[in-house]
Amino acid sequence: MAARRLLRRRSRPTPTAEARRDRPREPVGEATILVRPEVLRSVVRAAASEDLRETGGPLIGTVQRSWDGAEGRLIVAVLATVPPGPALNGRISSVAMGKGGDGERAASALRWWRDTTGLELAHLGDWHRHLPGAPGPSAGDRLTARRMREASSAGVWLTAVVVSEPERAKSFEVKGNLGRATELWSAAGEVRFYRQILGGRLLPIRIRLEPAAIPRLPALPWHVVDPVRFAAECRLLRAAGYATEVHAATPDGRPGVTFRLRRDGADPFTIVTASRYPREAPAAMGDRGLTPIRGWSPARFLADVVEAKR
C-alpha cells in the first residue's frame, strides 16, 4: 500500500491502475507493521535531496510476538532510519548500502541506539529511491531482499521503495540598486512497503503510522552521524601530541562526546562537544563548569582550540 507523506499540502491524485494493484490483500503474512511518522519524513527528504542517483538507508526497529490465535502474530515497529552518508554508493539505477557503501556507519548507529535506549533493536530492512514511473520493486530488489532475509536474525525483512521529487521555484526581482533572488524548495513523496516472504516474493504490506504507542529514538550524536569528522578530530589531536581519552557522552549524560586530553609538559584539558557539534560550539571544562569556546566556526577543529589555549 502506498504510504503518502507530504511535506507541503497538495491535492490527492486519483489512484492509477498500477497503484490499485499495489494495495495489499489480506492476509499478507502474520505481521502488523507500525511506522513512526518521522521515519517517512526522513526518507522522503533524503530521497528528494538527490537529483538522478538512487539513495537509501536502513530501517531500524523492534520485532515482538503477540500470541493471537494458534500461531501468533509479529508486531514490527519501524522506529528510525539513518540518513545517507558520504560513503553511500548511489548510481542512476542502483545503490550499494553494504560494508563498502555506508554500512559501517549504519551499524554504528544501531549499536549506539541499542546502548542508549536498552531496546532490542534490529535491522528490519532497507529503503531506497526509485525514479518516477517505477514505484514497485525491481528484480534486483527481490534478489537482494531474499538474500538479506535469509541472513537476518530479526525474523522479518522489509523493503520500502520511495518515489520522491524535489520542487524548486526561483524568482528574481530588481528595483534600482537592489537585486533580490528567492529560491523555494519542497518535497513530496510516496513510500511503498513490502515484506519479503520466504521463497523470494516481495508482497505489499499494510502499514500504520503510530506517533504515540511506539517509542521515538533519540537523535544520533555527531560522532555517529559524521564518522569522517570524528576520525579527523582524533587524528589532528594525536598529531598535536595529545593522548586522547574519549567518552561517548557529556558530563551531564546527554548525547555528545567528551575529550580528555593529556600531553607532556601541559595541564590536562577537557573539551565537551554536544550532539549538534560542529554547528554548536564546543565547551571547555574548568573549575567553574563548562565555558563555550568563543569565536567558534564549524571550519575549525578541536586541535585549533587546544593550541589557542596554550
Protein backbone atom coordinates (compact mmCIF):
# COMPACT_ATOMS: atom_id res chain seq x y z
CA MET A 1 0.00 0.00 0.00
CA ALA A 2 1.29 3.46 -0.83
CA ALA A 3 2.01 5.43 2.32
CA ARG A 4 1.97 9.12 1.37
CA ARG A 5 4.00 11.69 3.28
CA LEU A 6 3.58 15.30 2.18
CA LEU A 7 5.99 17.98 3.34
CA ARG A 8 3.61 20.57 1.96
CA ARG A 9 -0.08 20.35 1.09
CA ARG A 10 -1.07 19.22 -2.39
CA SER A 11 -4.15 17.69 -3.97
CA ARG A 12 -4.54 13.93 -3.79
CA PRO A 13 -4.32 12.30 -7.24
CA THR A 14 -6.66 9.61 -8.45
CA PRO A 15 -5.06 6.17 -7.89
CA THR A 16 -3.74 4.59 -11.06
CA ALA A 17 -4.44 1.01 -12.04
CA GLU A 18 -0.89 0.09 -11.01
CA ALA A 19 -1.35 1.72 -7.61
CA ARG A 20 -4.61 -0.19 -7.13
CA ARG A 21 -2.81 -3.45 -7.90
CA ASP A 22 -0.18 -2.48 -5.32
CA ARG A 23 -2.73 -2.37 -2.50
CA PRO A 24 -2.12 -5.27 -0.11
CA ARG A 25 -4.62 -8.07 0.05
CA GLU A 26 -5.06 -9.69 3.44
CA PRO A 27 -3.64 -11.91 4.62
CA VAL A 28 -0.13 -10.86 3.61
CA GLY A 29 1.62 -12.75 6.36
CA GLU A 30 1.01 -12.59 10.07
CA ALA A 31 2.56 -9.24 10.90
CA THR A 32 1.44 -5.78 11.97
CA ILE A 33 3.76 -3.02 10.73
CA LEU A 34 3.86 0.18 12.77
CA VAL A 35 5.90 3.15 11.49
CA ARG A 36 6.92 6.34 13.27
CA PRO A 37 5.83 9.40 11.19
CA GLU A 38 9.30 10.95 11.29
CA VAL A 39 10.69 7.88 9.53
CA LEU A 40 8.59 8.69 6.45
CA ARG A 41 9.59 12.35 6.69
CA SER A 42 13.30 11.47 6.86
CA VAL A 43 13.04 9.02 3.97
CA VAL A 44 11.23 11.46 1.67
CA ARG A 45 13.63 14.30 2.45
CA ALA A 46 16.70 12.14 1.90
CA ALA A 47 15.35 10.78 -1.38
CA ALA A 48 14.42 14.24 -2.67
CA SER A 49 17.91 15.58 -1.93
CA GLU A 50 19.29 13.58 -4.86
CA ASP A 51 18.59 14.58 -8.45
CA LEU A 52 19.04 11.41 -10.51
CA ARG A 53 21.02 8.98 -8.36
CA GLU A 54 19.40 6.36 -6.22
CA THR A 55 19.89 6.62 -2.49
CA GLY A 56 18.78 4.64 0.52
CA GLY A 57 19.25 3.63 4.12
CA PRO A 58 18.36 1.08 6.80
CA LEU A 59 15.08 0.63 8.63
CA ILE A 60 15.69 0.21 12.36
CA GLY A 61 13.17 -1.03 14.90
CA THR A 62 11.85 -3.86 17.04
CA VAL A 63 10.07 -7.17 16.48
CA GLN A 64 7.76 -8.67 19.08
CA ARG A 65 5.36 -11.58 19.03
CA SER A 66 1.76 -11.38 20.11
CA TRP A 67 0.13 -14.72 20.88
CA ASP A 68 -3.08 -14.14 18.97
CA GLY A 69 -4.53 -17.43 17.84
CA ALA A 70 -2.63 -20.65 17.41
CA GLU A 71 0.45 -19.29 15.62
CA GLY A 72 0.62 -15.76 16.99
CA ARG A 73 1.42 -12.56 15.14
CA LEU A 74 4.51 -10.40 14.71
CA ILE A 75 4.36 -6.74 15.73
CA VAL A 76 7.04 -4.87 13.81
CA ALA A 77 7.80 -1.28 14.85
CA VAL A 78 9.88 0.80 12.42
CA LEU A 79 11.39 3.46 14.67
CA ALA A 80 14.20 5.14 12.74
CA THR A 81 16.45 5.33 9.72
CA VAL A 82 19.97 6.61 9.24
CA PRO A 83 20.36 9.47 6.72
CA PRO A 84 22.59 8.60 3.75
CA GLY A 85 26.25 9.39 4.32
CA PRO A 86 29.14 10.29 2.02
CA ALA A 87 30.20 6.67 1.55
CA LEU A 88 26.87 5.64 0.02
CA ASN A 89 27.43 4.33 -3.50
CA GLY A 90 24.41 5.66 -5.39
CA ARG A 91 24.02 5.46 -9.16
CA ILE A 92 21.20 6.22 -11.58
CA SER A 93 19.73 2.71 -11.39
CA SER A 94 21.31 1.15 -8.30
CA VAL A 95 22.57 1.88 -4.80
CA ALA A 96 25.02 -0.06 -2.60
CA MET A 97 24.43 0.10 1.14
CA GLY A 98 26.63 -2.71 2.44
CA LYS A 99 30.02 -2.71 4.13
CA GLY A 100 31.64 -0.76 1.33
CA GLY A 101 28.74 1.69 0.99
CA ASP A 102 27.87 3.33 4.32
CA GLY A 103 27.11 0.06 6.11
CA GLU A 104 29.66 0.64 8.87
CA ARG A 105 28.04 3.96 9.71
CA ALA A 106 24.58 2.39 9.91
CA ALA A 107 25.91 -0.41 12.13
CA SER A 108 27.48 2.16 14.44
CA ALA A 109 24.14 3.99 14.70
CA LEU A 110 22.35 0.75 15.56
CA ARG A 111 24.88 -0.04 18.31
CA TRP A 112 24.58 3.46 19.78
CA TRP A 113 20.78 3.33 19.84
CA ARG A 114 20.87 -0.11 21.49
CA ASP A 115 23.28 1.04 24.21
CA THR A 116 21.43 4.30 24.84
CA THR A 117 17.83 3.05 24.89
CA GLY A 118 18.19 -0.54 26.08
CA LEU A 119 15.78 -1.64 23.35
CA GLU A 120 16.37 -4.86 21.42
CA LEU A 121 16.71 -3.02 18.13
CA ALA A 122 17.29 -4.81 14.85
CA HIS A 123 17.96 -4.06 11.21
CA LEU A 124 14.46 -4.69 9.83
CA GLY A 125 15.06 -3.84 6.19
CA ASP A 126 16.13 -1.11 3.81
CA TRP A 127 14.55 1.75 1.91
CA HIS A 128 15.78 3.08 -1.41
CA ARG A 129 14.71 5.54 -4.05
CA HIS A 130 13.28 4.80 -7.48
CA LEU A 131 12.81 7.34 -10.24
CA PRO A 132 9.23 8.35 -11.12
CA GLY A 133 7.50 5.76 -13.26
CA ALA A 134 9.00 2.76 -11.42
CA PRO A 135 7.33 2.69 -7.98
CA GLY A 136 7.49 -1.08 -7.48
CA PRO A 137 10.40 -3.34 -6.52
CA SER A 138 12.71 -4.47 -9.32
CA ALA A 139 14.07 -7.96 -9.95
CA GLY A 140 17.28 -6.85 -8.25
CA ASP A 141 15.30 -5.65 -5.24
CA ARG A 142 13.69 -9.08 -4.91
CA LEU A 143 17.02 -10.87 -5.11
CA THR A 144 18.56 -8.55 -2.51
CA ALA A 145 15.58 -8.90 -0.17
CA ARG A 146 15.71 -12.69 -0.39
CA ARG A 147 19.42 -12.74 0.43
CA MET A 148 19.03 -10.30 3.32
CA ARG A 149 16.01 -12.12 4.76
CA GLU A 150 17.96 -15.38 4.85
CA ALA A 151 20.83 -13.66 6.68
CA SER A 152 18.67 -11.62 9.07
CA SER A 153 18.10 -12.65 12.66
CA ALA A 154 15.09 -10.36 13.06
CA GLY A 155 12.64 -12.85 11.56
CA VAL A 156 11.31 -10.28 9.09
CA TRP A 157 12.67 -8.24 6.21
CA LEU A 158 11.05 -5.09 4.82
CA THR A 159 11.77 -3.27 1.58
CA ALA A 160 10.49 0.28 1.18
CA VAL A 161 10.54 1.92 -2.25
CA VAL A 162 10.28 5.69 -2.28
CA VAL A 163 9.45 7.87 -5.27
CA SER A 164 10.24 11.46 -4.42
CA GLU A 165 10.91 14.55 -6.47
CA PRO A 166 12.06 17.94 -5.22
CA GLU A 167 10.25 21.03 -6.46
CA ARG A 168 12.18 24.26 -6.76
CA ALA A 169 10.77 27.68 -7.54
CA LYS A 170 13.09 30.58 -8.37
CA SER A 171 12.29 34.25 -8.69
CA PHE A 172 14.36 37.37 -9.34
CA GLU A 173 13.50 40.99 -8.72
CA VAL A 174 15.40 44.20 -9.40
CA LYS A 175 14.47 47.64 -8.05
CA GLY A 176 17.02 50.33 -8.70
CA ASN A 177 20.24 49.30 -6.98
CA LEU A 178 18.56 46.35 -5.18
CA GLY A 179 18.57 42.83 -6.56
CA ARG A 180 16.64 40.05 -4.83
CA ALA A 181 16.78 36.33 -5.58
CA THR A 182 14.42 33.81 -3.95
CA GLU A 183 14.55 30.02 -4.17
CA LEU A 184 11.94 27.80 -2.55
CA TRP A 185 12.43 24.05 -2.09
CA SER A 186 9.81 21.47 -1.19
CA ALA A 187 9.38 17.74 -1.50
CA ALA A 188 6.56 15.23 -1.66
CA GLY A 189 6.94 11.51 -1.89
CA GLU A 190 5.30 8.12 -1.81
CA VAL A 191 6.78 5.24 0.14
CA ARG A 192 5.59 1.72 -0.59
CA PHE A 193 6.35 -1.03 1.93
CA TYR A 194 6.88 -4.67 1.05
CA ARG A 195 7.59 -7.74 3.14
CA GLN A 196 9.91 -10.46 1.92
CA ILE A 197 8.30 -13.86 2.12
CA LEU A 198 10.47 -16.98 2.15
CA GLY A 199 10.50 -18.18 -1.41
CA GLY A 200 11.64 -14.92 -2.95
CA ARG A 201 8.45 -12.89 -3.15
CA LEU A 202 8.10 -9.26 -2.07
CA LEU A 203 4.47 -8.70 -1.10
CA PRO A 204 2.86 -5.31 -0.40
CA ILE A 205 2.03 -4.99 3.27
CA ARG A 206 -0.20 -2.61 5.14
CA ILE A 207 1.45 -0.14 7.49
CA ARG A 208 0.06 2.05 10.25
CA LEU A 209 1.56 5.36 11.28
CA GLU A 210 1.95 5.36 15.05
CA PRO A 211 3.17 8.57 16.75
CA ALA A 212 2.42 7.63 20.36
CA ALA A 213 2.31 3.91 21.15
CA ILE A 214 5.85 3.08 19.97
CA PRO A 215 8.98 4.89 21.23
CA ARG A 216 10.76 7.69 19.45
CA LEU A 217 14.52 7.15 19.38
CA PRO A 218 16.90 9.96 20.40
CA ALA A 219 18.76 11.93 17.77
CA LEU A 220 22.10 10.43 16.82
CA PRO A 221 25.16 12.29 18.16
CA TRP A 222 27.55 13.92 15.75
CA HIS A 223 30.34 11.33 16.00
CA VAL A 224 27.95 8.63 14.76
CA VAL A 225 26.38 10.77 12.02
CA ASP A 226 29.75 12.08 10.79
CA PRO A 227 32.46 9.47 11.48
CA VAL A 228 34.77 11.18 8.98
CA ARG A 229 34.82 14.35 11.09
CA PHE A 230 35.32 12.32 14.27
CA ALA A 231 38.30 10.49 12.76
CA ALA A 232 39.78 13.80 11.59
CA GLU A 233 39.43 15.32 15.08
CA CYS A 234 41.23 12.39 16.70
CA ARG A 235 43.95 12.37 14.06
CA LEU A 236 44.67 16.10 14.44
CA LEU A 237 44.79 15.86 18.24
CA ARG A 238 47.19 12.94 18.01
CA ALA A 239 49.37 14.87 15.53
CA ALA A 240 49.49 17.75 18.04
CA GLY A 241 50.97 15.35 20.61
CA TYR A 242 47.90 14.76 22.77
CA ALA A 243 46.90 11.45 24.32
CA THR A 244 43.12 11.42 23.92
CA GLU A 245 40.58 9.71 26.15
CA VAL A 246 37.14 9.73 24.53
CA HIS A 247 33.80 9.29 26.32
CA ALA A 248 30.62 8.96 24.25
CA ALA A 249 28.58 11.28 26.50
CA THR A 250 28.72 14.72 28.04
CA PRO A 251 29.38 15.10 31.81
CA ASP A 252 25.63 15.51 32.43
CA GLY A 253 24.82 12.33 30.49
CA ARG A 254 23.45 13.93 27.33
CA PRO A 255 24.41 12.65 23.86
CA GLY A 256 27.75 14.00 22.75
CA VAL A 257 31.47 13.35 23.11
CA THR A 258 33.87 14.35 25.88
CA PHE A 259 37.58 14.58 25.01
CA ARG A 260 40.07 14.36 27.89
CA LEU A 261 43.47 15.46 26.60
CA ARG A 262 46.92 14.99 28.11
CA ARG A 263 50.36 15.97 26.87
CA ASP A 264 53.78 16.03 28.49
CA GLY A 265 54.54 19.41 29.99
CA ALA A 266 50.94 20.66 29.76
CA ASP A 267 47.97 20.62 32.11
CA PRO A 268 45.16 18.16 31.32
CA PHE A 269 42.43 19.69 29.19
CA THR A 270 38.80 18.58 28.76
CA ILE A 271 36.60 19.59 25.85
CA VAL A 272 32.89 18.72 25.65
CA THR A 273 31.02 18.54 22.34
CA ALA A 274 27.22 18.30 22.26
CA SER A 275 25.16 16.28 19.77
CA ARG A 276 24.95 19.17 17.26
CA TYR A 277 28.73 19.71 17.04
CA PRO A 278 30.34 21.20 14.94
CA ARG A 279 27.39 23.51 14.27
CA GLU A 280 27.27 24.09 18.02
CA ALA A 281 30.43 25.40 19.69
CA PRO A 282 32.36 23.01 21.98
CA ALA A 283 32.89 23.90 25.61
CA ALA A 284 35.95 23.75 27.85
CA MET A 285 35.62 22.09 31.26
CA GLY A 286 37.04 24.14 34.13
CA ASP A 287 36.64 24.76 37.84
CA ARG A 288 33.50 26.79 37.15
CA GLY A 289 31.93 24.24 34.85
CA LEU A 290 31.55 24.40 31.08
CA THR A 291 32.57 27.52 29.18
CA PRO A 292 31.62 27.73 25.46
CA ILE A 293 34.54 28.37 23.12
CA ARG A 294 34.37 31.90 21.75
CA GLY A 295 34.78 32.64 18.08
CA TRP A 296 33.87 29.10 17.09
CA SER A 297 33.28 28.14 13.47
CA PRO A 298 32.48 24.67 12.01
CA ALA A 299 35.56 25.18 9.83
CA ARG A 300 37.76 24.93 12.95
CA PHE A 301 38.82 21.73 14.72
CA LEU A 302 39.39 20.86 18.36
CA ALA A 303 43.14 20.86 17.82
CA ASP A 304 42.84 24.55 16.88
CA VAL A 305 41.05 25.24 20.16
CA VAL A 306 43.68 23.41 22.23
CA GLU A 307 46.57 25.16 20.52
CA ALA A 308 44.89 28.54 21.08
CA LYS A 309 44.58 27.77 24.80
CA ARG A 310 48.32 27.04 25.21
